[in-house]
């Protein structure tokens, strides 16, 4: 066979293979399609069965819910029916009660009208009876009542008087007992020292050699110290101490402070003494201010003018019958505050009135008038509350009692000053006598300073050398002695010492 034949045969075989492959592919595709359709049909059938099952379950559930709902609805309808029946019965009962109430109301109205008619008849009968009695007695109703009361008063006058007296006694005893209870409670709540003030102050010294320096050459230092301070310096054989004596506690405090500072400094001479004494006066002034502020703070009285506190602090160095006046004022303030609380009054006003009731004593030797009047003027000048002034001004009954607090302050003042040992009349009289001695000497012209010393047995008078010469000094001593003899009563004799000192100062430059 020739090559062409081979080629044709090969071509025919190739074409046949392609055709066979095509047909095989078509057959395969048809077979796959039939399989897919079968799967889809099967899935459809499964889905249909599932849907039927879901619908069946839903129908079953729905039937169950409907059945339960019907059962609950029937139950609710049954309850509503029962409630409706009860309400109907209540309405019927209320209607019946309302009818009964209306009937009772009508009956009460009828009874009230009947009572009213009966009362009117009784009133008419009473009036007729009174008219008949007035005709028989010949008296009106008021006259009969007056005569009856008069007869009863006459008949039982003694019994009434006894009863009234008994009630008065019982009330008085009750009020007295209550007042004693309040006062005893208040006094017991406040306990303070009642030691009287002393007349001298002791200053400790490191060695007895200091005594010679204090005395100085021919006594210059001690004379300068006594002149500057106004106290008597007692230097005796007592070891380790020097005594300062004066009836004025302010002077004693200044002298003590100055002497302690001089001993500490070591330079004791007239010029230094004057310098130290001036510094001591400033220190004491500072103490006075602190004492006033401390007293106000202790009793709880606030918002006082600083100038009032400064004057109040001076009472720390003032005594009354041996009793420290500032301590007495603090005690009166505490007592007045407690009494005011017991009596439902104003404790703050009572405390302030008690604290300031003796403030006039701080300057009564400088300003004329009683210490009450001086105190009123001080408080008015520095703007104190008018209620406080009313509370303090009546404690010696110079002014009428205008408020309850004024009575409380008077009672508190009496309690404080009446404590056993709180005051000593002899001491107060003694201090007054010393002050009178100084006042008599100071009344003369040319006097610089005057001090009563030696318990009032000596007066030292320092004169101004440019105004009083040596001859006039002798005459002045005699005049003072005559005035004392005429105006004062005293035991023994009083020595008058007039001191005239001339001091010349110059500076080398």
Protein backbone atom coordinates (compact mmCIF):
# COMPACT_ATOMS: atom_id res chain seq x y z
CA UNK A 1 0.00 0.00 0.00
CA UNK A 2 1.18 3.34 -0.84
CA UNK A 3 1.79 6.01 1.70
CA UNK A 4 -1.29 7.94 0.75
CA UNK A 5 -3.39 4.97 1.59
CA UNK A 6 -1.72 4.79 4.95
CA UNK A 7 -2.38 8.38 5.50
CA UNK A 8 -6.02 8.07 4.57
CA UNK A 9 -6.44 5.04 6.79
CA UNK A 10 -4.78 6.84 9.66
CA UNK A 11 -6.96 9.89 9.06
CA UNK A 12 -10.09 7.75 9.03
CA UNK A 13 -9.04 6.06 12.25
CA UNK A 14 -8.36 9.48 13.86
CA UNK A 15 -11.70 10.85 12.78
CA UNK A 16 -13.40 7.76 14.06
CA UNK A 17 -11.62 8.10 17.40
CA UNK A 18 -12.74 11.68 17.69
CA UNK A 19 -16.32 10.75 16.91
CA UNK A 20 -16.23 7.87 19.35
CA UNK A 21 -14.71 10.17 22.03
CA UNK A 22 -17.39 12.75 21.39
CA UNK A 23 -20.12 10.21 21.74
CA UNK A 24 -18.53 8.87 24.89
CA UNK A 25 -18.36 12.39 26.33
CA UNK A 26 -22.01 13.00 25.45
CA UNK A 27 -22.99 9.73 27.06
CA UNK A 28 -20.96 10.60 30.19
CA UNK A 29 -22.54 14.04 30.37
CA UNK A 30 -26.02 12.56 30.02
CA UNK A 31 -25.22 10.05 32.74
CA UNK A 32 -24.02 12.84 35.11
CA UNK A 33 -27.10 14.94 34.36
CA UNK A 34 -29.37 12.08 35.24
CA UNK A 35 -27.55 11.60 38.54
CA UNK A 36 -27.88 15.34 39.44
CA UNK A 37 -31.57 15.33 38.66
CA UNK A 38 -32.04 12.33 40.86
CA UNK A 39 -30.22 14.10 43.73
CA UNK A 40 -32.31 17.25 43.28
CA UNK A 41 -35.50 15.23 43.25
CA UNK A 42 -34.40 13.42 46.38
CA UNK A 43 -33.55 16.71 48.13
CA UNK A 44 -36.90 18.12 47.12
CA UNK A 45 -38.65 15.10 48.52
CA UNK A 46 -36.67 15.34 51.75
CA UNK A 47 -37.46 19.05 52.07
CA UNK A 48 -41.11 18.40 51.47
CA UNK A 49 -41.15 15.73 54.19
CA UNK A 50 -39.36 18.10 56.57
CA UNK A 51 -41.82 20.92 55.82
CA UNK A 52 -44.74 18.62 56.43
CA UNK A 53 -43.21 17.58 59.74
CA UNK A 54 -42.64 21.24 60.81
CA UNK A 55 -46.19 22.15 59.84
CA UNK A 56 -47.48 19.17 61.76
CA UNK A 57 -45.46 20.13 64.87
CA UNK A 58 -46.61 23.77 64.58
CA UNK A 59 -50.21 22.70 64.32
CA UNK A 60 -49.77 20.50 67.38
CA UNK A 61 -48.13 23.37 69.37
CA UNK A 62 -50.79 25.83 68.23
CA UNK A 63 -53.55 23.49 69.28
CA UNK A 64 -51.90 23.13 72.71
CA UNK A 65 -51.52 26.94 73.16
CA UNK A 66 -55.11 27.52 72.07
CA UNK A 67 -56.30 24.88 74.51
CA UNK A 68 -54.34 26.47 77.42
CA UNK A 69 -55.52 29.96 76.48
CA UNK A 70 -59.11 28.81 76.42
CA UNK A 71 -58.64 27.20 79.83
CA UNK A 72 -57.15 30.39 81.34
CA UNK A 73 -59.84 32.51 79.72
CA UNK A 74 -62.54 30.32 81.20
CA UNK A 75 -60.85 30.59 84.59
CA UNK A 76 -60.64 34.43 84.37
CA UNK A 77 -64.27 34.60 83.31
CA UNK A 78 -65.17 32.47 86.30
CA UNK A 79 -63.23 34.78 88.68
CA UNK A 80 -64.77 37.88 87.14
CA UNK A 81 -68.18 36.37 87.55
CA UNK A 82 -67.53 35.69 91.23
CA UNK A 83 -66.17 39.25 91.71
CA UNK A 84 -69.18 40.71 89.97
CA UNK A 85 -71.47 38.71 92.23
CA UNK A 86 -69.65 39.98 95.33
CA UNK A 87 -69.82 43.59 94.12
CA UNK A 88 -73.52 43.25 93.46
CA UNK A 89 -74.04 41.90 96.97
CA UNK A 90 -71.94 44.79 98.44
CA UNK A 91 -73.94 47.34 96.50
CA UNK A 92 -77.13 45.83 97.83
CA UNK A 93 -75.71 45.90 101.37
CA UNK A 94 -74.55 49.53 101.02
CA UNK A 95 -77.92 50.56 99.69
CA UNK A 96 -79.54 48.91 102.68
CA UNK A 97 -77.14 50.62 105.11
CA UNK A 98 -77.72 53.98 103.46
CA UNK A 99 -81.42 53.52 103.92
CA UNK A 100 -80.88 52.68 107.59
CA UNK A 101 -78.62 55.74 108.05
CA UNK A 102 -81.13 58.01 106.40
CA UNK A 103 -83.80 56.61 108.69
CA UNK A 104 -81.60 57.11 111.78
CA UNK A 105 -80.82 60.68 110.62
CA UNK A 106 -84.49 61.47 110.40
CA UNK A 107 -85.03 59.99 113.85
CA UNK A 108 -82.12 62.10 115.27
CA UNK A 109 -83.55 65.26 113.72
CA UNK A 110 -86.87 64.51 115.32
CA UNK A 111 -85.17 63.86 118.68
CA UNK A 112 -83.13 67.09 118.39
CA UNK A 113 -86.26 69.09 117.68
CA UNK A 114 -87.95 67.43 120.63
CA UNK A 115 -84.95 68.22 122.90
CA UNK A 116 -84.89 71.81 121.69
CA UNK A 117 -88.59 72.22 122.46
CA UNK A 118 -88.07 70.61 125.87
CA UNK A 119 -85.08 72.93 126.62
CA UNK A 120 -87.11 75.97 125.63
CA UNK A 121 -89.85 74.85 127.98
CA UNK A 122 -87.26 74.34 130.79
CA UNK A 123 -85.75 77.79 130.15
CA UNK A 124 -89.18 79.36 130.30
CA UNK A 125 -89.89 77.48 133.50
CA UNK A 126 -86.51 78.58 134.98
CA UNK A 127 -87.22 82.21 134.08
CA UNK A 128 -90.65 82.00 135.63
CA UNK A 129 -89.12 80.44 138.74
CA UNK A 130 -86.46 83.20 138.99
CA UNK A 131 -89.16 85.86 138.54
CA UNK A 132 -91.21 84.29 141.29
CA UNK A 133 -88.17 84.10 143.59
CA UNK A 134 -87.26 87.75 142.85
CA UNK A 135 -90.85 88.77 143.67
CA UNK A 136 -90.73 86.82 146.92
CA UNK A 137 -87.19 87.99 147.94
CA UNK A 138 -87.44 91.49 146.57
CA UNK A 139 -83.90 91.14 145.03
CA UNK A 140 -82.56 90.95 141.48
CA UNK A 141 -80.38 88.05 140.34
CA UNK A 142 -77.15 90.02 140.64
CA UNK A 143 -78.12 91.34 144.05
CA UNK A 144 -78.95 87.85 145.26
CA UNK A 145 -75.64 86.51 143.94
CA UNK A 146 -73.74 89.32 145.65
CA UNK A 147 -75.50 88.76 148.95
CA UNK A 148 -74.89 85.02 148.73
CA UNK A 149 -71.17 85.51 148.08
CA UNK A 150 -70.94 87.99 150.95
CA UNK A 151 -72.60 85.59 153.36
CA UNK A 152 -70.28 82.76 152.27
CA UNK A 153 -67.19 84.96 152.63
CA UNK A 154 -68.26 86.02 156.14
CA UNK A 155 -69.10 82.49 157.14
CA UNK A 156 -65.87 80.94 155.83
CA UNK A 157 -63.54 83.96 156.09
CA UNK A 158 -61.25 82.36 158.63
CA UNK A 159 -61.05 79.11 156.65
CA UNK A 160 -60.26 81.05 153.48
CA UNK A 161 -57.53 83.08 155.17
CA UNK A 162 -55.98 79.94 156.62
CA UNK A 163 -56.09 78.25 153.22
CA UNK A 164 -54.59 81.27 151.43
CA UNK A 165 -51.84 81.57 154.07
CA UNK A 166 -51.09 77.86 153.73
CA UNK A 167 -50.85 78.14 149.95
CA UNK A 168 -48.56 81.17 150.26
CA UNK A 169 -46.32 79.35 152.74
CA UNK A 170 -46.20 76.24 150.59
CA UNK A 171 -45.34 78.31 147.50
CA UNK A 172 -42.69 80.28 149.38
CA UNK A 173 -41.12 77.15 150.82
CA UNK A 174 -41.18 75.49 147.41
CA UNK A 175 -39.54 78.47 145.69
CA UNK A 176 -37.01 78.84 148.51
CA UNK A 177 -36.12 75.16 148.32
CA UNK A 178 -35.76 75.36 144.54
CA UNK A 179 -33.55 78.46 144.80
CA UNK A 180 -31.38 76.76 147.42
CA UNK A 181 -30.98 73.74 145.18
CA UNK A 182 -29.95 75.90 142.22
CA UNK A 183 -27.51 77.99 144.29
CA UNK A 184 -25.96 75.00 146.01
CA UNK A 185 -25.52 73.22 142.68
CA UNK A 186 -23.90 76.27 141.11
CA UNK A 187 -21.58 76.89 144.08
CA UNK A 188 -20.54 73.25 144.17
CA UNK A 189 -19.75 73.28 140.43
CA UNK A 190 -17.29 76.16 140.92
CA UNK A 191 -14.49 75.74 143.40
CA UNK A 192 -11.79 78.41 143.60
CA UNK A 193 -9.02 79.41 145.97
CA UNK A 194 -9.90 82.03 148.58
CA UNK A 195 -6.43 82.87 149.86
CA UNK A 196 -6.21 86.66 150.46
CA UNK A 197 -3.52 88.75 148.81
CA UNK A 198 -0.35 89.40 150.80
CA UNK A 199 1.26 92.76 151.41
CA UNK A 200 4.85 91.87 150.63
CA UNK A 201 6.91 90.11 147.98
CA UNK A 202 10.12 88.17 148.50
CA UNK A 203 12.89 88.30 145.90
CA UNK A 204 15.49 85.56 145.97
CA UNK A 205 19.13 86.62 145.53
CA UNK A 206 22.08 84.41 144.53
CA UNK A 207 24.30 85.60 147.41
CA UNK A 208 24.23 88.06 150.29
CA UNK A 209 26.94 90.15 148.58
CA UNK A 210 24.21 91.53 146.33
CA UNK A 211 22.62 93.25 149.32
CA UNK A 212 25.55 95.67 149.58
CA UNK A 213 25.28 96.57 145.88
CA UNK A 214 21.52 97.16 146.23
CA UNK A 215 22.08 99.48 149.19
CA UNK A 216 24.92 101.33 147.41
CA UNK A 217 27.30 103.95 148.72
CA UNK A 218 25.63 105.82 151.60
CA UNK A 219 22.34 104.19 150.54
CA UNK A 220 22.12 105.94 147.15
CA UNK A 221 20.99 102.87 145.22
CA UNK A 222 18.27 101.81 147.62
CA UNK A 223 16.92 105.36 147.84
CA UNK A 224 16.86 105.65 144.05
CA UNK A 225 15.09 102.29 143.77
CA UNK A 226 12.49 103.19 146.41
CA UNK A 227 11.88 106.56 144.77
CA UNK A 228 11.46 105.06 141.30
CA UNK A 229 9.20 102.20 142.36
CA UNK A 230 7.39 103.53 145.43
CA UNK A 231 7.99 100.39 147.49
CA UNK A 232 9.90 99.81 150.69
CA UNK A 233 12.97 97.57 150.33
CA UNK A 234 13.59 95.57 153.51
CA UNK A 235 17.14 94.21 153.74
CA UNK A 236 17.78 92.30 156.95
CA UNK A 237 19.82 89.34 158.11
CA UNK A 238 17.56 86.82 156.35
CA UNK A 239 19.87 84.92 154.03
CA UNK A 240 19.17 84.65 150.28
CA UNK A 241 16.19 87.03 150.09
CA UNK A 242 15.09 90.65 150.01
CA UNK A 243 11.55 91.74 150.92
CA UNK A 244 9.59 94.35 148.94
CA UNK A 245 6.70 95.88 150.88
CA UNK A 246 3.87 98.05 149.52
CA UNK A 247 0.10 98.16 149.76
CA UNK A 248 -0.09 98.65 145.96
CA UNK A 249 0.37 95.29 144.19
CA UNK A 250 1.21 96.97 140.87
CA UNK A 251 4.14 98.75 142.46
CA UNK A 252 5.29 95.50 144.10
CA UNK A 253 5.21 93.68 140.78
CA UNK A 254 7.12 96.46 139.01
CA UNK A 255 9.68 96.55 141.83
CA UNK A 256 10.10 92.76 141.82
CA UNK A 257 10.60 92.64 138.05
CA UNK A 258 13.03 95.56 138.14
CA UNK A 259 15.04 94.14 141.05
CA UNK A 260 15.35 90.72 139.42
CA UNK A 261 16.52 92.35 136.18
CA UNK A 262 19.05 94.52 138.10
CA UNK A 263 20.47 91.48 139.89
CA UNK A 264 20.75 89.61 136.59
CA UNK A 265 22.43 92.62 134.92
CA UNK A 266 24.83 93.30 137.81
CA UNK A 267 25.16 97.03 137.14
CA UNK A 268 23.28 98.54 140.09
CA UNK A 269 23.46 102.33 140.06
CA UNK A 270 20.87 105.17 140.11
CA UNK A 271 20.86 105.77 136.34
CA UNK A 272 20.57 102.05 135.59
CA UNK A 273 17.88 101.66 138.22
CA UNK A 274 15.67 104.25 136.52
CA UNK A 275 16.17 102.58 133.14
CA UNK A 276 15.36 99.11 134.47
CA UNK A 277 12.29 100.37 136.34
CA UNK A 278 10.90 101.91 133.14
CA UNK A 279 11.38 98.60 131.32
CA UNK A 280 9.70 96.80 134.22
CA UNK A 281 6.70 99.12 133.89
CA UNK A 282 6.43 98.17 130.20
CA UNK A 283 6.60 94.48 131.10
CA UNK A 284 3.88 94.87 133.71
CA UNK A 285 1.72 96.72 131.18
CA UNK A 286 2.13 93.75 128.86
CA UNK A 287 1.11 91.41 131.69
CA UNK A 288 -1.98 93.55 132.33
CA UNK A 289 -3.03 93.18 128.69
CA UNK A 290 -2.46 89.42 128.75
CA UNK A 291 -4.41 89.03 132.00
CA UNK A 292 -7.41 90.88 130.54
CA UNK A 293 -7.43 88.75 127.39
CA UNK A 294 -6.92 85.56 129.40
CA UNK A 295 -9.84 86.37 131.72
CA UNK A 296 -12.21 87.01 128.80
CA UNK A 297 -11.10 83.81 127.10
CA UNK A 298 -11.48 81.75 130.28
CA UNK A 299 -15.13 82.68 130.78
CA UNK A 300 -15.96 82.63 127.06
CA UNK A 301 -16.82 86.33 126.64
CA UNK A 302 -15.70 87.31 123.15
CA UNK A 303 -15.82 90.41 120.91
CA UNK A 304 -14.91 92.87 123.65
CA UNK A 305 -13.09 96.06 122.72
CA UNK A 306 -9.29 95.68 123.32
CA UNK A 307 -9.36 98.84 125.46
CA UNK A 308 -11.93 97.22 127.75
CA UNK A 309 -9.67 94.17 128.09
CA UNK A 310 -6.72 96.43 128.91
CA UNK A 311 -8.63 98.09 131.75
CA UNK A 312 -9.95 94.71 132.89
CA UNK A 313 -6.40 93.35 133.17
CA UNK A 314 -5.51 96.05 135.69
CA UNK A 315 -7.86 94.36 138.15
CA UNK A 316 -5.27 91.59 138.45
CA UNK A 317 -3.28 93.97 140.67
CA UNK A 318 -6.29 95.25 142.60
CA UNK A 319 -7.74 93.72 145.76
CA UNK A 320 -11.04 94.23 147.56
CA UNK A 321 -11.08 93.21 151.21
CA UNK A 322 -8.07 91.02 150.46
CA UNK A 323 -9.75 89.32 147.47
CA UNK A 324 -8.16 89.63 144.03
CA UNK A 325 -10.68 91.64 142.01
CA UNK A 326 -9.91 90.02 138.63
CA UNK A 327 -10.22 86.53 140.09
CA UNK A 328 -13.43 87.66 141.77
CA UNK A 329 -14.75 88.95 138.39
CA UNK A 330 -13.92 85.63 136.69
CA UNK A 331 -15.65 83.72 139.47
CA UNK A 332 -18.74 85.94 139.25
CA UNK A 333 -18.84 85.41 135.47
CA UNK A 334 -18.79 81.61 135.88
CA UNK A 335 -21.46 81.70 138.59
CA UNK A 336 -23.66 84.08 136.58
CA UNK A 337 -23.39 81.89 133.48
CA UNK A 338 -24.44 78.76 135.40
CA UNK A 339 -27.32 80.58 137.13
CA UNK A 340 -28.52 81.93 133.77
CA UNK A 341 -28.55 78.42 132.31
CA UNK A 342 -30.56 77.12 135.28
CA UNK A 343 -33.06 80.01 134.99
CA UNK A 344 -33.35 79.83 131.17
CA UNK A 345 -31.84 83.30 130.77
CA UNK A 346 -29.05 84.52 128.43
CA UNK A 347 -25.77 82.99 129.68
CA UNK A 348 -23.54 85.17 127.47
CA UNK A 349 -25.02 88.45 128.73
CA UNK A 350 -24.87 87.20 132.32
CA UNK A 351 -21.21 86.14 131.93
CA UNK A 352 -20.19 89.46 130.36
CA UNK A 353 -22.05 91.40 133.07
CA UNK A 354 -20.35 89.35 135.78
CA UNK A 355 -16.89 89.73 134.25
CA UNK A 356 -17.19 93.51 133.84
CA UNK A 357 -19.25 94.41 136.95
CA UNK A 358 -16.20 95.73 138.88
CA UNK A 359 -14.23 97.18 135.93
CA UNK A 360 -14.62 100.65 137.40
CA UNK A 361 -12.37 99.66 140.32
CA UNK A 362 -9.40 99.60 137.93
CA UNK A 363 -9.46 103.42 137.66
CA UNK A 364 -11.64 104.55 140.58
CA UNK A 365 -8.62 106.21 142.22
CA UNK A 366 -8.08 108.30 139.08
CA UNK A 367 -11.69 109.19 138.12
CA UNK A 368 -14.30 110.61 140.54
CA UNK A 369 -17.48 108.63 141.14
CA UNK A 370 -18.48 105.19 142.33
CA UNK A 371 -16.92 102.21 140.62
CA UNK A 372 -20.35 101.26 139.20
CA UNK A 373 -20.80 104.65 137.54
CA UNK A 374 -17.21 104.63 136.31
CA UNK A 375 -17.69 101.14 134.88
CA UNK A 376 -20.88 102.21 133.06
CA UNK A 377 -19.09 105.13 131.46
CA UNK A 378 -16.18 102.93 130.38
CA UNK A 379 -18.48 100.35 128.76
CA UNK A 380 -20.61 103.01 127.06
CA UNK A 381 -17.51 104.79 125.73
CA UNK A 382 -16.06 101.63 124.20
CA UNK A 383 -19.29 100.36 122.67
CA UNK A 384 -20.27 97.49 124.96
CA UNK A 385 -23.69 95.87 124.45
CA UNK A 386 -26.48 97.74 126.27
CA UNK A 387 -27.74 94.42 127.72
CA UNK A 388 -24.32 93.87 129.33
CA UNK A 389 -24.41 97.38 130.85
CA UNK A 390 -27.88 96.69 132.26
CA UNK A 391 -26.62 93.42 133.73
CA UNK A 392 -23.59 94.97 135.54
CA UNK A 393 -24.99 98.29 136.75
CA UNK A 394 -27.35 96.97 139.45
CA UNK A 395 -25.06 94.73 141.52
CA UNK A 396 -24.96 97.37 144.30
CA UNK A 397 -28.56 98.45 143.61
CA UNK A 398 -27.48 101.90 142.47
CA UNK A 399 -29.72 101.30 139.43
CA UNK A 400 -33.04 99.39 139.29
CA UNK A 401 -33.10 95.78 138.13
CA UNK A 402 -34.20 96.03 134.51
CA UNK A 403 -33.41 92.47 133.37
CA UNK A 404 -33.17 89.00 134.86
CA UNK A 405 -29.44 89.02 134.09
CA UNK A 406 -28.93 92.05 136.37
CA UNK A 407 -30.42 90.10 139.30
CA UNK A 408 -28.27 87.08 138.41
CA UNK A 409 -25.07 89.20 138.45
CA UNK A 410 -25.96 90.63 141.88
CA UNK A 411 -26.57 87.12 143.27
CA UNK A 412 -23.33 85.79 141.73
CA UNK A 413 -21.38 88.76 143.18
CA UNK A 414 -22.83 88.06 146.63
CA UNK A 415 -21.96 84.34 146.37
CA UNK A 416 -18.36 85.04 145.34
CA UNK A 417 -17.70 87.67 147.99
CA UNK A 418 -19.43 85.67 150.76
CA UNK A 419 -17.29 82.54 150.44
CA UNK A 420 -15.59 81.72 153.74
CA UNK A 421 -12.15 83.36 153.79
CA UNK A 422 -12.67 85.18 150.50
CA UNK A 423 -12.46 88.65 152.04
CA UNK A 424 -10.96 90.31 155.08
CA UNK A 425 -12.43 93.59 156.21
CA UNK A 426 -9.36 94.57 158.22
CA UNK A 427 -7.10 94.26 155.18
CA UNK A 428 -9.38 96.44 153.06
CA UNK A 429 -9.53 99.10 155.76
CA UNK A 430 -5.76 98.94 156.11
CA UNK A 431 -5.24 99.47 152.37
CA UNK A 432 -7.73 102.31 152.36
CA UNK A 433 -5.83 104.01 155.19
CA UNK A 434 -2.55 103.78 153.27
CA UNK A 435 -4.21 105.23 150.19
CA UNK A 436 -5.73 108.07 152.23
CA UNK A 437 -2.26 108.89 153.57
CA UNK A 438 -0.84 109.17 150.06
CA UNK A 439 -3.86 111.20 148.83
CA UNK A 440 -3.39 113.77 151.63
CA UNK A 441 0.29 114.23 150.81
CA UNK A 442 -0.37 114.43 147.04
CA UNK A 443 -2.91 117.21 147.57
CA UNK A 444 -0.10 119.73 148.27
CA UNK A 445 1.70 121.70 145.57
CA UNK A 446 5.18 120.76 144.36
CA UNK A 447 4.85 117.02 145.16
CA UNK A 448 6.49 114.65 142.65
CA UNK A 449 5.77 111.27 144.25
CA UNK A 450 4.37 110.04 147.57
CA UNK A 451 4.67 106.54 149.04
CA UNK A 452 3.21 105.17 152.29
CA UNK A 453 5.62 102.58 153.74
CA UNK A 454 6.36 100.77 156.99
CA UNK A 455 2.72 99.56 157.17
CA UNK A 456 1.53 103.18 157.15
CA UNK A 457 3.86 104.35 159.91
CA UNK A 458 5.92 106.46 157.49
CA UNK A 459 5.23 108.58 154.41
CA UNK A 460 8.05 109.43 152.04
CA UNK A 461 7.35 112.51 149.96
CA UNK A 462 9.57 113.36 146.97
CA UNK A 463 9.28 117.03 146.03
CA UNK A 464 10.25 118.83 142.84
CA UNK A 465 13.47 120.73 143.76
CA UNK A 466 12.76 123.62 141.40
CA UNK A 467 9.36 124.28 143.05
CA UNK A 468 10.14 123.56 146.71
CA UNK A 469 13.23 124.80 148.54
CA UNK A 470 14.73 123.45 151.79
CA UNK A 471 12.75 125.79 154.02
CA UNK A 472 9.50 125.03 152.25
CA UNK A 473 10.26 121.31 152.61
CA UNK A 474 10.25 121.62 156.38
CA UNK A 475 7.00 123.61 156.27
CA UNK A 476 5.50 121.02 153.90
CA UNK A 477 6.29 118.15 156.28
CA UNK A 478 4.58 120.02 159.13
CA UNK A 479 1.49 120.84 157.00
CA UNK A 480 1.10 117.21 155.93
CA UNK A 481 1.35 116.06 159.54
CA UNK A 482 -1.36 118.53 160.62
CA UNK A 483 -3.69 117.40 157.81
CA UNK A 484 -3.23 113.76 158.80
CA UNK A 485 -3.97 114.56 162.46
CA UNK A 486 -7.15 116.40 161.50
CA UNK A 487 -8.59 113.99 158.91
CA UNK A 488 -7.43 110.47 159.82
CA UNK A 489 -7.70 108.16 162.78
CA UNK A 490 -4.64 105.98 163.37
CA UNK A 491 -2.81 104.24 166.20
CA UNK A 492 0.63 105.46 167.32
CA UNK A 493 2.45 108.03 165.21
CA UNK A 494 3.24 108.53 161.53
CA UNK A 495 6.64 109.75 160.34
CA UNK A 496 6.63 112.20 157.40
CA UNK A 497 9.87 112.27 155.43
CA UNK A 498 10.20 114.94 152.74
CA UNK A 499 13.06 114.30 150.30
CA UNK A 500 14.41 117.06 148.08
CA UNK A 501 17.10 115.89 145.67
CA UNK A 502 18.99 118.09 143.21
CA UNK A 503 20.56 116.32 140.27
CA UNK A 504 22.89 118.03 137.77
CA UNK A 505 23.61 116.25 134.50
CA UNK A 506 26.07 117.26 131.79
CA UNK A 507 27.72 115.51 128.84
CA UNK A 508 31.38 115.53 127.73
CA UNK A 509 31.66 115.51 123.95
